[in-house]
Amino acid sequence: MTELRERIPPVALAHDTLLDDHAAEPSLDSRDPETVHGQSWVDLRQQTVALGCAPGLGPVFGTGNPRARLVLVGEAPGETEAREGRPFVGAAGKLLDRMLNSADLVRDHLWVTNVVKCRPVREEGGRQRNRAPTIREVRQWLPLLEAELLLIDPRLIICLGAVAARALIDPDFLLNKDRGRWIPNSSGVLTLGTYHPAYLLRLEGGAQAQAIAAVEADFRSACDQLDTMAEDEAEKTGTNGEA
């Protein structure tokens, strides 16, 4: 797994919110032209476009709050995402929103992105079908995801699906064994792997309900982690009102 070139620096926590006090608008083009470790959002966009996608397959950039404390990372855009140019806007995105709402999380307050920014496809019956990204594709796109995370500087990352978890946590990550655990990634950021919404849609009945409840519990765990971090930061800086 590719190592982050530099450790993500700590930043002050905002309290009772996933945004900081100077959060930018949730649009790539409206972000402050900041440079972090020699990398800016303009640079990142140019590099993403330069890496190249086949016509109609992307790239699909991350969206949301570029100073979010919590980042969600999926594997790659699907057909709807490639067409609309935003991550998680199809059926899986609707389920994701529902699960976030169950944990009192608002998508616009987070940053949502994918490891691979082009839609991976295979030809079947004269049509393009979605497929999982290959290891080569993940390795090709991972440095740009790392640069994206350096610019955002999140406190927590949730990987949606095994592809993202193996890219950011451990190449041997297994959902049935490691899901729901907060594990420091190579930059020291606590990162959790959970089920991808598209996988949940393929389940039925009780199995689906149980898996959805597990993801919702993981989202609530993220809220608990952020609350604890905010309390610790307040205690350290004296913003809890104590002398």
C-alpha atoms as a PDB file:
ATOM      1  CA  MET A   1       0.000   0.000   0.000  1.00  0.00           C
ATOM      2  CA  THR A   2       1.267   3.407  -0.953  1.00  0.00           C
ATOM      3  CA  GLU A   3       2.436   5.419   2.046  1.00  0.00           C
ATOM      4  CA  LEU A   4       1.368   9.003   2.582  1.00  0.00           C
ATOM      5  CA  ARG A   5       4.259  11.265   1.772  1.00  0.00           C
ATOM      6  CA  GLU A   6       3.807  13.357   4.894  1.00  0.00           C
ATOM      7  CA  ARG A   7       1.831  12.939   8.082  1.00  0.00           C
ATOM      8  CA  ILE A   8      -1.419  14.883   8.132  1.00  0.00           C
ATOM      9  CA  PRO A   9      -0.927  17.748  10.598  1.00  0.00           C
ATOM     10  CA  PRO A  10      -3.378  18.206  13.497  1.00  0.00           C
ATOM     11  CA  VAL A  11      -5.863  21.063  13.421  1.00  0.00           C
ATOM     12  CA  ALA A  12      -8.156  22.600  16.021  1.00  0.00           C
ATOM     13  CA  LEU A  13     -11.510  20.892  16.475  1.00  0.00           C
ATOM     14  CA  ALA A  14     -14.807  22.707  16.195  1.00  0.00           C
ATOM     15  CA  HIS A  15     -17.328  21.738  18.851  1.00  0.00           C
ATOM     16  CA  ASP A  16     -20.834  20.319  18.297  1.00  0.00           C
ATOM     17  CA  THR A  17     -20.316  20.213  14.509  1.00  0.00           C
ATOM     18  CA  LEU A  18     -18.352  18.424  11.825  1.00  0.00           C
ATOM     19  CA  LEU A  19     -17.414  21.770  10.257  1.00  0.00           C
ATOM     20  CA  ASP A  20     -14.845  24.266  11.415  1.00  0.00           C
ATOM     21  CA  ASP A  21     -15.630  27.922  12.026  1.00  0.00           C
ATOM     22  CA  HIS A  22     -14.529  28.955   8.528  1.00  0.00           C
ATOM     23  CA  ALA A  23     -15.995  26.142   6.452  1.00  0.00           C
ATOM     24  CA  ALA A  24     -16.064  26.785   2.724  1.00  0.00           C
ATOM     25  CA  GLU A  25     -18.993  26.160   0.424  1.00  0.00           C
ATOM     26  CA  PRO A  26     -19.375  22.472  -0.536  1.00  0.00           C
ATOM     27  CA  SER A  27     -18.139  22.915  -4.103  1.00  0.00           C
ATOM     28  CA  LEU A  28     -14.741  22.133  -5.576  1.00  0.00           C
ATOM     29  CA  ASP A  29     -14.631  25.383  -7.519  1.00  0.00           C
ATOM     30  CA  SER A  30     -15.496  27.542  -4.472  1.00  0.00           C
ATOM     31  CA  ARG A  31     -12.710  26.310  -2.213  1.00  0.00           C
ATOM     32  CA  ASP A  32     -10.035  28.579  -0.847  1.00  0.00           C
ATOM     33  CA  PRO A  33      -6.884  28.306  -2.997  1.00  0.00           C
ATOM     34  CA  GLU A  34      -4.912  26.876  -0.090  1.00  0.00           C
ATOM     35  CA  THR A  35      -1.678  24.984  -0.526  1.00  0.00           C
ATOM     36  CA  VAL A  36      -0.848  22.107   1.804  1.00  0.00           C
ATOM     37  CA  HIS A  37       2.586  20.521   1.494  1.00  0.00           C
ATOM     38  CA  GLY A  38       2.951  22.100  -1.940  1.00  0.00           C
ATOM     39  CA  GLN A  39      -0.421  20.833  -3.172  1.00  0.00           C
ATOM     40  CA  SER A  40      -3.516  22.970  -3.881  1.00  0.00           C
ATOM     41  CA  TRP A  41      -7.069  22.104  -4.884  1.00  0.00           C
ATOM     42  CA  VAL A  42      -6.385  23.549  -8.317  1.00  0.00           C
ATOM     43  CA  ASP A  43      -3.357  21.264  -8.646  1.00  0.00           C
ATOM     44  CA  LEU A  44      -5.410  18.282  -7.539  1.00  0.00           C
ATOM     45  CA  ARG A  45      -8.153  18.940 -10.049  1.00  0.00           C
ATOM     46  CA  GLN A  46      -5.648  19.341 -12.874  1.00  0.00           C
ATOM     47  CA  GLN A  47      -3.860  16.122 -11.896  1.00  0.00           C
ATOM     48  CA  THR A  48      -7.162  14.248 -11.697  1.00  0.00           C
ATOM     49  CA  VAL A  49      -8.204  15.395 -15.169  1.00  0.00           C
ATOM     50  CA  ALA A  50      -4.729  14.611 -16.528  1.00  0.00           C
ATOM     51  CA  LEU A  51      -4.860  11.036 -15.228  1.00  0.00           C
ATOM     52  CA  GLY A  52      -7.741  10.591 -17.607  1.00  0.00           C
ATOM     53  CA  CYS A  53     -11.003   8.694 -17.889  1.00  0.00           C
ATOM     54  CA  ALA A  54     -12.616   7.229 -20.976  1.00  0.00           C
ATOM     55  CA  PRO A  55     -15.414   9.417 -22.407  1.00  0.00           C
ATOM     56  CA  GLY A  56     -18.515   9.312 -20.219  1.00  0.00           C
ATOM     57  CA  LEU A  57     -16.775   7.545 -17.338  1.00  0.00           C
ATOM     58  CA  GLY A  58     -15.591  10.518 -15.271  1.00  0.00           C
ATOM     59  CA  PRO A  59     -13.707  11.852 -13.533  1.00  0.00           C
ATOM     60  CA  VAL A  60     -16.047  12.200 -10.557  1.00  0.00           C
ATOM     61  CA  PHE A  61     -14.588  14.528  -7.922  1.00  0.00           C
ATOM     62  CA  GLY A  62     -15.309  14.442  -4.214  1.00  0.00           C
ATOM     63  CA  THR A  63     -18.015  16.745  -2.867  1.00  0.00           C
ATOM     64  CA  GLY A  64     -19.075  18.264   0.436  1.00  0.00           C
ATOM     65  CA  ASN A  65     -17.282  20.351   3.028  1.00  0.00           C
ATOM     66  CA  PRO A  66     -13.560  20.562   2.152  1.00  0.00           C
ATOM     67  CA  ARG A  67     -12.712  21.098   5.834  1.00  0.00           C
ATOM     68  CA  ALA A  68     -14.840  18.253   7.132  1.00  0.00           C
ATOM     69  CA  ARG A  69     -13.778  16.352  10.231  1.00  0.00           C
ATOM     70  CA  LEU A  70     -15.258  13.150   8.791  1.00  0.00           C
ATOM     71  CA  VAL A  71     -14.546  11.839   5.284  1.00  0.00           C
ATOM     72  CA  LEU A  72     -16.383   8.960   3.583  1.00  0.00           C
ATOM     73  CA  VAL A  73     -14.408   7.083   0.934  1.00  0.00           C
ATOM     74  CA  GLY A  74     -16.073   4.690  -1.495  1.00  0.00           C
ATOM     75  CA  GLU A  75     -14.462   2.602  -4.193  1.00  0.00           C
ATOM     76  CA  ALA A  76     -15.458   4.179  -7.547  1.00  0.00           C
ATOM     77  CA  PRO A  77     -18.370   5.940  -9.268  1.00  0.00           C
ATOM     78  CA  GLY A  78     -21.179   3.977 -10.862  1.00  0.00           C
ATOM     79  CA  GLU A  79     -23.251   4.780 -13.951  1.00  0.00           C
ATOM     80  CA  THR A  80     -25.390   7.490 -12.325  1.00  0.00           C
ATOM     81  CA  GLU A  81     -22.399   9.087 -10.628  1.00  0.00           C
ATOM     82  CA  ALA A  82     -20.398   9.216 -13.871  1.00  0.00           C
ATOM     83  CA  ARG A  83     -23.348  10.777 -15.671  1.00  0.00           C
ATOM     84  CA  GLU A  84     -24.053  13.413 -12.996  1.00  0.00           C
ATOM     85  CA  GLY A  85     -20.431  13.996 -11.962  1.00  0.00           C
ATOM     86  CA  ARG A  86     -21.014  13.522  -8.213  1.00  0.00           C
ATOM     87  CA  PRO A  87     -20.323  10.546  -5.913  1.00  0.00           C
ATOM     88  CA  PHE A  88     -23.124   8.469  -4.377  1.00  0.00           C
ATOM     89  CA  VAL A  89     -26.138   9.935  -6.173  1.00  0.00           C
ATOM     90  CA  GLY A  90     -27.781   6.705  -7.380  1.00  0.00           C
ATOM     91  CA  ALA A  91     -29.715   4.110  -5.383  1.00  0.00           C
ATOM     92  CA  ALA A  92     -26.680   3.467  -3.175  1.00  0.00           C
ATOM     93  CA  GLY A  93     -26.406   7.183  -2.508  1.00  0.00           C
ATOM     94  CA  LYS A  94     -30.029   7.380  -1.395  1.00  0.00           C
ATOM     95  CA  LEU A  95     -29.429   4.533   1.039  1.00  0.00           C
ATOM     96  CA  LEU A  96     -26.256   6.236   2.248  1.00  0.00           C
ATOM     97  CA  ASP A  97     -28.205   9.423   2.975  1.00  0.00           C
ATOM     98  CA  ARG A  98     -30.803   7.457   4.907  1.00  0.00           C
ATOM     99  CA  MET A  99     -28.158   5.774   7.049  1.00  0.00           C
ATOM    100  CA  LEU A 100     -26.371   9.069   7.674  1.00  0.00           C
ATOM    101  CA  ASN A 101     -29.638  10.658   8.748  1.00  0.00           C
ATOM    102  CA  SER A 102     -30.191   7.846  11.242  1.00  0.00           C
ATOM    103  CA  ALA A 103     -26.958   8.939  12.938  1.00  0.00           C
ATOM    104  CA  ASP A 104     -27.857  12.656  12.731  1.00  0.00           C
ATOM    105  CA  LEU A 105     -25.166  13.224  10.106  1.00  0.00           C
ATOM    106  CA  VAL A 106     -25.664  15.596   7.184  1.00  0.00           C
ATOM    107  CA  ARG A 107     -23.875  14.762   3.957  1.00  0.00           C
ATOM    108  CA  ASP A 108     -23.099  18.411   3.139  1.00  0.00           C
ATOM    109  CA  HIS A 109     -21.171  18.633   6.416  1.00  0.00           C
ATOM    110  CA  LEU A 110     -18.934  15.731   5.372  1.00  0.00           C
ATOM    111  CA  TRP A 111     -16.587  15.108   2.463  1.00  0.00           C
ATOM    112  CA  VAL A 112     -17.620  12.203   0.218  1.00  0.00           C
ATOM    113  CA  THR A 113     -15.251  10.793  -2.366  1.00  0.00           C
ATOM    114  CA  ASN A 114     -13.968   7.589  -3.990  1.00  0.00           C
ATOM    115  CA  VAL A 115     -10.589   5.933  -4.293  1.00  0.00           C
ATOM    116  CA  VAL A 116     -10.908   5.668  -8.087  1.00  0.00           C
ATOM    117  CA  LYS A 117     -12.380   8.691  -9.853  1.00  0.00           C
ATOM    118  CA  CYS A 118     -13.303   6.943 -13.147  1.00  0.00           C
ATOM    119  CA  ARG A 119     -16.196   4.504 -13.472  1.00  0.00           C
ATOM    120  CA  PRO A 120     -14.777   0.971 -13.901  1.00  0.00           C
ATOM    121  CA  VAL A 121     -16.783  -0.956 -16.487  1.00  0.00           C
ATOM    122  CA  ARG A 122     -16.919  -4.275 -18.303  1.00  0.00           C
ATOM    123  CA  GLU A 123     -18.686  -5.030 -21.567  1.00  0.00           C
ATOM    124  CA  GLU A 124     -21.666  -7.353 -21.274  1.00  0.00           C
ATOM    125  CA  GLY A 125     -24.313  -7.868 -23.915  1.00  0.00           C
ATOM    126  CA  GLY A 126     -23.262  -4.747 -25.752  1.00  0.00           C
ATOM    127  CA  ARG A 127     -23.608  -2.606 -22.624  1.00  0.00           C
ATOM    128  CA  GLN A 128     -21.185  -1.220 -20.085  1.00  0.00           C
ATOM    129  CA  ARG A 129     -21.685  -2.721 -16.629  1.00  0.00           C
ATOM    130  CA  ASN A 130     -20.153  -1.613 -13.352  1.00  0.00           C
ATOM    131  CA  ARG A 131     -17.304  -3.663 -11.926  1.00  0.00           C
ATOM    132  CA  ALA A 132     -14.966  -3.391  -8.957  1.00  0.00           C
ATOM    133  CA  PRO A 133     -11.730  -1.449  -9.511  1.00  0.00           C
ATOM    134  CA  THR A 134      -8.629  -3.511 -10.173  1.00  0.00           C
ATOM    135  CA  ILE A 135      -5.562  -3.376  -7.936  1.00  0.00           C
ATOM    136  CA  ARG A 136      -3.771  -1.516 -10.726  1.00  0.00           C
ATOM    137  CA  GLU A 137      -6.515   1.122 -10.872  1.00  0.00           C
ATOM    138  CA  VAL A 138      -6.451   1.566  -7.102  1.00  0.00           C
ATOM    139  CA  ARG A 139      -2.686   2.013  -7.126  1.00  0.00           C
ATOM    140  CA  GLN A 140      -2.949   4.475 -10.003  1.00  0.00           C
ATOM    141  CA  TRP A 141      -5.461   6.691  -8.199  1.00  0.00           C
ATOM    142  CA  LEU A 142      -4.322   6.282  -4.586  1.00  0.00           C
ATOM    143  CA  PRO A 143      -1.709   9.088  -4.620  1.00  0.00           C
ATOM    144  CA  LEU A 144      -4.387  11.587  -5.659  1.00  0.00           C
ATOM    145  CA  LEU A 145      -6.714  10.356  -2.907  1.00  0.00           C
ATOM    146  CA  GLU A 146      -3.871  10.804  -0.426  1.00  0.00           C
ATOM    147  CA  ALA A 147      -3.333  14.353  -1.695  1.00  0.00           C
ATOM    148  CA  GLU A 148      -7.078  14.985  -1.360  1.00  0.00           C
ATOM    149  CA  LEU A 149      -7.013  13.809   2.267  1.00  0.00           C
ATOM    150  CA  LEU A 150      -3.984  15.974   3.029  1.00  0.00           C
ATOM    151  CA  LEU A 151      -5.910  19.029   1.846  1.00  0.00           C
ATOM    152  CA  ILE A 152      -9.015  18.163   3.884  1.00  0.00           C
ATOM    153  CA  ASP A 153      -7.106  17.058   6.996  1.00  0.00           C
ATOM    154  CA  PRO A 154      -9.944  15.010   8.549  1.00  0.00           C
ATOM    155  CA  ARG A 155     -10.043  13.643  12.070  1.00  0.00           C
ATOM    156  CA  LEU A 156     -11.806  10.453  10.982  1.00  0.00           C
ATOM    157  CA  ILE A 157     -12.214   8.455   7.767  1.00  0.00           C
ATOM    158  CA  ILE A 158     -14.879   5.845   7.036  1.00  0.00           C
ATOM    159  CA  CYS A 159     -14.150   3.472   4.163  1.00  0.00           C
ATOM    160  CA  LEU A 160     -17.281   2.227   2.424  1.00  0.00           C
ATOM    161  CA  GLY A 161     -16.415  -1.255   1.223  1.00  0.00           C
ATOM    162  CA  ALA A 162     -13.377  -3.490   1.198  1.00  0.00           C
ATOM    163  CA  VAL A 163     -11.686  -1.785  -1.773  1.00  0.00           C
ATOM    164  CA  ALA A 164     -11.344   1.513   0.098  1.00  0.00           C
ATOM    165  CA  ALA A 165     -10.478  -0.199   3.377  1.00  0.00           C
ATOM    166  CA  ARG A 166      -7.686  -2.202   1.756  1.00  0.00           C
ATOM    167  CA  ALA A 167      -6.337   0.947   0.118  1.00  0.00           C
ATOM    168  CA  LEU A 168      -6.328   3.095   3.263  1.00  0.00           C
ATOM    169  CA  ILE A 169      -6.169   0.702   6.231  1.00  0.00           C
ATOM    170  CA  ASP A 170      -4.624  -2.649   5.397  1.00  0.00           C
ATOM    171  CA  PRO A 171      -4.282  -4.671   2.162  1.00  0.00           C
ATOM    172  CA  ASP A 172      -5.484  -7.713   4.135  1.00  0.00           C
ATOM    173  CA  PHE A 173      -8.583  -5.979   5.533  1.00  0.00           C
ATOM    174  CA  LEU A 174     -11.607  -8.295   5.766  1.00  0.00           C
ATOM    175  CA  LEU A 175     -15.065  -6.867   6.360  1.00  0.00           C
ATOM    176  CA  ASN A 176     -16.340  -9.935   8.200  1.00  0.00           C
ATOM    177  CA  LYS A 177     -13.432  -9.665  10.650  1.00  0.00           C
ATOM    178  CA  ASP A 178     -12.361  -6.010  10.768  1.00  0.00           C
ATOM    179  CA  ARG A 179     -15.561  -4.026  10.117  1.00  0.00           C
ATOM    180  CA  GLY A 180     -16.426  -1.462  12.766  1.00  0.00           C
ATOM    181  CA  ARG A 181     -12.929  -1.117  14.231  1.00  0.00           C
ATOM    182  CA  TRP A 182     -11.127   2.235  14.374  1.00  0.00           C
ATOM    183  CA  ILE A 183      -7.606   1.617  13.095  1.00  0.00           C
ATOM    184  CA  PRO A 184      -4.936   4.310  12.578  1.00  0.00           C
ATOM    185  CA  ASN A 185      -3.963   4.445   8.913  1.00  0.00           C
ATOM    186  CA  SER A 186      -0.431   5.156   7.690  1.00  0.00           C
ATOM    187  CA  SER A 187      -0.881   8.867   8.469  1.00  0.00           C
ATOM    188  CA  GLY A 188      -2.202   8.221  11.967  1.00  0.00           C
ATOM    189  CA  VAL A 189      -5.821   9.144  11.165  1.00  0.00           C
ATOM    190  CA  LEU A 190      -8.395   6.843  12.768  1.00  0.00           C
ATOM    191  CA  THR A 191     -10.053   4.956   9.923  1.00  0.00           C
ATOM    192  CA  LEU A 192     -12.956   2.505   9.961  1.00  0.00           C
ATOM    193  CA  GLY A 193     -14.104   0.088   7.289  1.00  0.00           C
ATOM    194  CA  THR A 194     -17.772  -0.768   6.845  1.00  0.00           C
ATOM    195  CA  TYR A 195     -20.137  -2.128   4.206  1.00  0.00           C
ATOM    196  CA  HIS A 196     -20.626  -0.315   0.898  1.00  0.00           C
ATOM    197  CA  PRO A 197     -24.236   0.796   0.309  1.00  0.00           C
ATOM    198  CA  ALA A 198     -24.295  -0.980  -3.067  1.00  0.00           C
ATOM    199  CA  TYR A 199     -23.528  -4.251  -1.276  1.00  0.00           C
ATOM    200  CA  LEU A 200     -26.394  -3.641   1.136  1.00  0.00           C
ATOM    201  CA  LEU A 201     -28.795  -3.216  -1.794  1.00  0.00           C
ATOM    202  CA  ARG A 202     -27.911  -6.696  -3.014  1.00  0.00           C
ATOM    203  CA  LEU A 203     -28.942  -8.245   0.299  1.00  0.00           C
ATOM    204  CA  GLU A 204     -32.495  -9.191   1.173  1.00  0.00           C
ATOM    205  CA  GLY A 205     -34.734  -9.496   4.194  1.00  0.00           C
ATOM    206  CA  GLY A 206     -33.189  -9.897   7.597  1.00  0.00           C
ATOM    207  CA  ALA A 207     -29.644 -10.009   6.249  1.00  0.00           C
ATOM    208  CA  GLN A 208     -30.090  -6.589   4.690  1.00  0.00           C
ATOM    209  CA  ALA A 209     -31.685  -5.098   7.799  1.00  0.00           C
ATOM    210  CA  GLN A 210     -28.887  -6.450   9.983  1.00  0.00           C
ATOM    211  CA  ALA A 211     -26.144  -5.094   7.707  1.00  0.00           C
ATOM    212  CA  ILE A 212     -27.803  -1.665   7.446  1.00  0.00           C
ATOM    213  CA  ALA A 213     -28.050  -1.519  11.243  1.00  0.00           C
ATOM    214  CA  ALA A 214     -24.325  -2.328  11.445  1.00  0.00           C
ATOM    215  CA  VAL A 215     -23.428   0.589   9.147  1.00  0.00           C
ATOM    216  CA  GLU A 216     -25.696   2.935  11.082  1.00  0.00           C
ATOM    217  CA  ALA A 217     -23.931   1.848  14.269  1.00  0.00           C
ATOM    218  CA  ASP A 218     -20.582   2.618  12.616  1.00  0.00           C
ATOM    219  CA  PHE A 219     -21.801   6.122  11.723  1.00  0.00           C
ATOM    220  CA  ARG A 220     -22.938   6.684  15.319  1.00  0.00           C
ATOM    221  CA  SER A 221     -19.536   5.497  16.463  1.00  0.00           C
ATOM    222  CA  ALA A 222     -17.968   8.232  14.327  1.00  0.00           C
ATOM    223  CA  CYS A 223     -20.154  10.815  16.059  1.00  0.00           C
ATOM    224  CA  ASP A 224     -19.060   9.481  19.446  1.00  0.00           C
ATOM    225  CA  GLN A 225     -15.412   9.632  18.414  1.00  0.00           C
ATOM    226  CA  LEU A 226     -15.757  13.236  17.240  1.00  0.00           C
ATOM    227  CA  ASP A 227     -17.532  14.222  20.460  1.00  0.00           C
ATOM    228  CA  THR A 228     -14.719  12.684  22.514  1.00  0.00           C
ATOM    229  CA  MET A 229     -12.076  14.448  20.422  1.00  0.00           C
ATOM    230  CA  ALA A 230     -13.862  17.782  20.847  1.00  0.00           C
ATOM    231  CA  GLU A 231     -14.096  17.294  24.609  1.00  0.00           C
ATOM    232  CA  ASP A 232     -10.411  16.389  24.842  1.00  0.00           C
ATOM    233  CA  GLU A 233      -9.455  19.422  22.779  1.00  0.00           C
ATOM    234  CA  ALA A 234     -11.626  21.695  24.904  1.00  0.00           C
ATOM    235  CA  GLU A 235     -10.001  20.382  28.064  1.00  0.00           C
ATOM    236  CA  LYS A 236      -6.529  20.932  26.649  1.00  0.00           C
ATOM    237  CA  THR A 237      -7.204  24.483  25.472  1.00  0.00           C
ATOM    238  CA  GLY A 238      -9.308  25.513  28.462  1.00  0.00           C
ATOM    239  CA  THR A 239     -12.391  26.264  26.344  1.00  0.00           C
ATOM    240  CA  ASN A 240     -14.503  24.217  28.761  1.00  0.00           C
ATOM    241  CA  GLY A 241     -14.649  27.252  31.073  1.00  0.00           C
ATOM    242  CA  GLU A 242     -12.322  25.932  33.707  1.00  0.00           C
ATOM    243  CA  ALA A 243      -9.340  27.913  34.932  1.00  0.00           C
END
